[in-house]
Amino acid sequence: MKSEKVNRKDESPVYARLWHEQNSITIATGQYISKERWDFTDKLRTALRIGKEKELRKSLDNFELEIKNIFYGSFFRGHDFSLTKLKNEFIGKKNKERNHCSIDSANQY
């Protein structure tokens, strides 16, 4: 949570920080919560009583699942993995992958 950034409802954005090897990356979840509720619920880990907090927890769980699906999909396809590629795929940016071919194979077409 970035408590220094506050919207009109006095809520701060929730971010996810991902680590891989020695690198890290931050991705905005698109979710907001007040600092008081964030602290009171121990970062949404304790029992949630407010419907909005329950929905936020579900949304963050779905966020985590989507990130894992992207990671494992990349891993099982045998692609080189980087946090930047993961973030780009998550937010919908196309990773620029070049098709390399030799002149001989290009002449076959």
Protein backbone atom coordinates (compact mmCIF):
# COMPACT_ATOMS: atom_id res chain seq x y z
CA MET A 1 0.00 0.00 0.00
CA LYS A 2 1.27 3.46 -0.84
CA SER A 3 -0.17 5.54 1.98
CA GLU A 4 1.43 8.74 0.69
CA LYS A 5 -0.93 8.61 -2.30
CA VAL A 6 -4.53 9.24 -1.32
CA ASN A 7 -7.66 9.60 -3.45
CA ARG A 8 -10.74 11.75 -2.72
CA LYS A 9 -12.17 9.07 -0.42
CA ASP A 10 -8.99 9.15 1.72
CA GLU A 11 -8.02 5.71 0.40
CA SER A 12 -4.59 4.63 -0.77
CA PRO A 13 -3.76 2.33 -3.71
CA VAL A 14 -2.76 -1.27 -3.10
CA TYR A 15 0.27 -2.48 -5.05
CA ALA A 16 1.83 -5.90 -5.47
CA ARG A 17 5.57 -6.28 -5.27
CA LEU A 18 6.97 -9.35 -6.99
CA TRP A 19 10.45 -10.74 -6.57
CA HIS A 20 12.33 -13.11 -8.82
CA GLU A 21 15.94 -13.94 -8.04
CA GLN A 22 17.49 -10.56 -7.16
CA ASN A 23 14.97 -8.42 -9.05
CA SER A 24 11.67 -6.90 -7.99
CA ILE A 25 8.82 -5.14 -9.75
CA THR A 26 5.73 -3.28 -8.53
CA ILE A 27 2.32 -3.62 -10.17
CA ALA A 28 -0.76 -1.57 -9.32
CA THR A 29 -3.72 -3.79 -8.40
CA GLY A 30 -6.30 -1.10 -9.15
CA GLN A 31 -7.68 -1.44 -5.62
CA TYR A 32 -7.88 1.14 -2.82
CA ILE A 33 -8.32 0.98 0.96
CA SER A 34 -7.96 3.41 3.87
CA LYS A 35 -4.74 3.20 5.86
CA GLU A 36 -6.70 2.67 9.08
CA ARG A 37 -8.57 -0.36 7.70
CA TRP A 38 -5.37 -1.71 6.12
CA ASP A 39 -3.61 -1.56 9.50
CA PHE A 40 -6.65 -2.76 11.50
CA THR A 41 -7.07 -5.86 9.34
CA ASP A 42 -3.31 -6.58 9.39
CA LYS A 43 -3.04 -5.98 5.65
CA LEU A 44 -6.31 -7.84 5.02
CA ARG A 45 -5.02 -10.98 6.77
CA THR A 46 -7.42 -11.00 9.76
CA ALA A 47 -11.18 -11.46 9.80
CA LEU A 48 -12.84 -8.99 7.48
CA ARG A 49 -16.22 -7.63 8.51
CA ILE A 50 -16.91 -5.00 5.88
CA GLY A 51 -18.21 -6.14 2.50
CA LYS A 52 -15.83 -3.86 0.63
CA GLU A 53 -12.86 -5.44 2.39
CA LYS A 54 -14.10 -8.93 1.58
CA GLU A 55 -14.40 -7.96 -2.08
CA LEU A 56 -10.94 -6.38 -1.99
CA ARG A 57 -9.46 -9.58 -0.52
CA LYS A 58 -11.14 -11.66 -3.26
CA SER A 59 -9.86 -9.25 -5.88
CA LEU A 60 -6.31 -9.52 -4.54
CA ASP A 61 -6.60 -13.32 -4.46
CA ASN A 62 -7.69 -13.25 -8.12
CA PHE A 63 -4.80 -10.89 -8.90
CA GLU A 64 -2.38 -13.36 -7.33
CA LEU A 65 -3.89 -16.27 -9.25
CA GLU A 66 -3.61 -14.40 -12.56
CA ILE A 67 0.05 -13.53 -11.90
CA LYS A 68 0.77 -17.19 -11.07
CA ASN A 69 -0.99 -18.35 -14.24
CA ILE A 70 1.12 -16.00 -16.36
CA PHE A 71 4.30 -17.17 -14.62
CA TYR A 72 3.57 -20.88 -14.93
CA GLY A 73 2.33 -20.48 -18.50
CA SER A 74 5.60 -18.81 -19.44
CA PHE A 75 7.59 -21.43 -17.53
CA PHE A 76 5.86 -24.41 -19.16
CA ARG A 77 6.10 -22.90 -22.64
CA GLY A 78 9.84 -22.71 -22.10
CA HIS A 79 10.05 -18.95 -22.58
CA ASP A 80 12.73 -16.91 -20.93
CA PHE A 81 11.21 -15.36 -17.83
CA SER A 82 11.56 -11.80 -16.65
CA LEU A 83 9.47 -9.69 -14.32
CA THR A 84 9.12 -7.06 -17.03
CA LYS A 85 7.65 -9.62 -19.45
CA LEU A 86 5.27 -10.82 -16.72
CA LYS A 87 4.12 -7.26 -15.98
CA ASN A 88 3.69 -6.46 -19.67
CA GLU A 89 1.61 -9.58 -20.23
CA PHE A 90 -0.48 -8.81 -17.15
CA ILE A 91 -1.27 -5.24 -18.21
CA GLY A 92 -1.83 -6.30 -21.81
CA LYS A 93 1.28 -4.89 -23.45
CA LYS A 94 2.77 -6.96 -26.20
CA ASN A 95 6.28 -8.18 -25.54
CA LYS A 96 8.36 -7.52 -28.60
CA GLU A 97 9.64 -10.85 -29.77
CA ARG A 98 11.52 -10.96 -33.00
CA ASN A 99 11.39 -13.89 -35.33
CA HIS A 100 14.87 -14.78 -36.36
CA CYS A 101 15.37 -16.79 -39.49
CA SER A 102 18.21 -17.39 -41.81
CA ILE A 103 18.32 -16.06 -45.34
CA ASP A 104 18.02 -19.62 -46.65
CA SER A 105 14.76 -20.27 -44.78
CA ALA A 106 13.39 -16.88 -45.84
CA ASN A 107 14.08 -17.71 -49.49
CA GLN A 108 11.99 -20.88 -49.25
CA TYR A 109 8.78 -18.85 -49.18
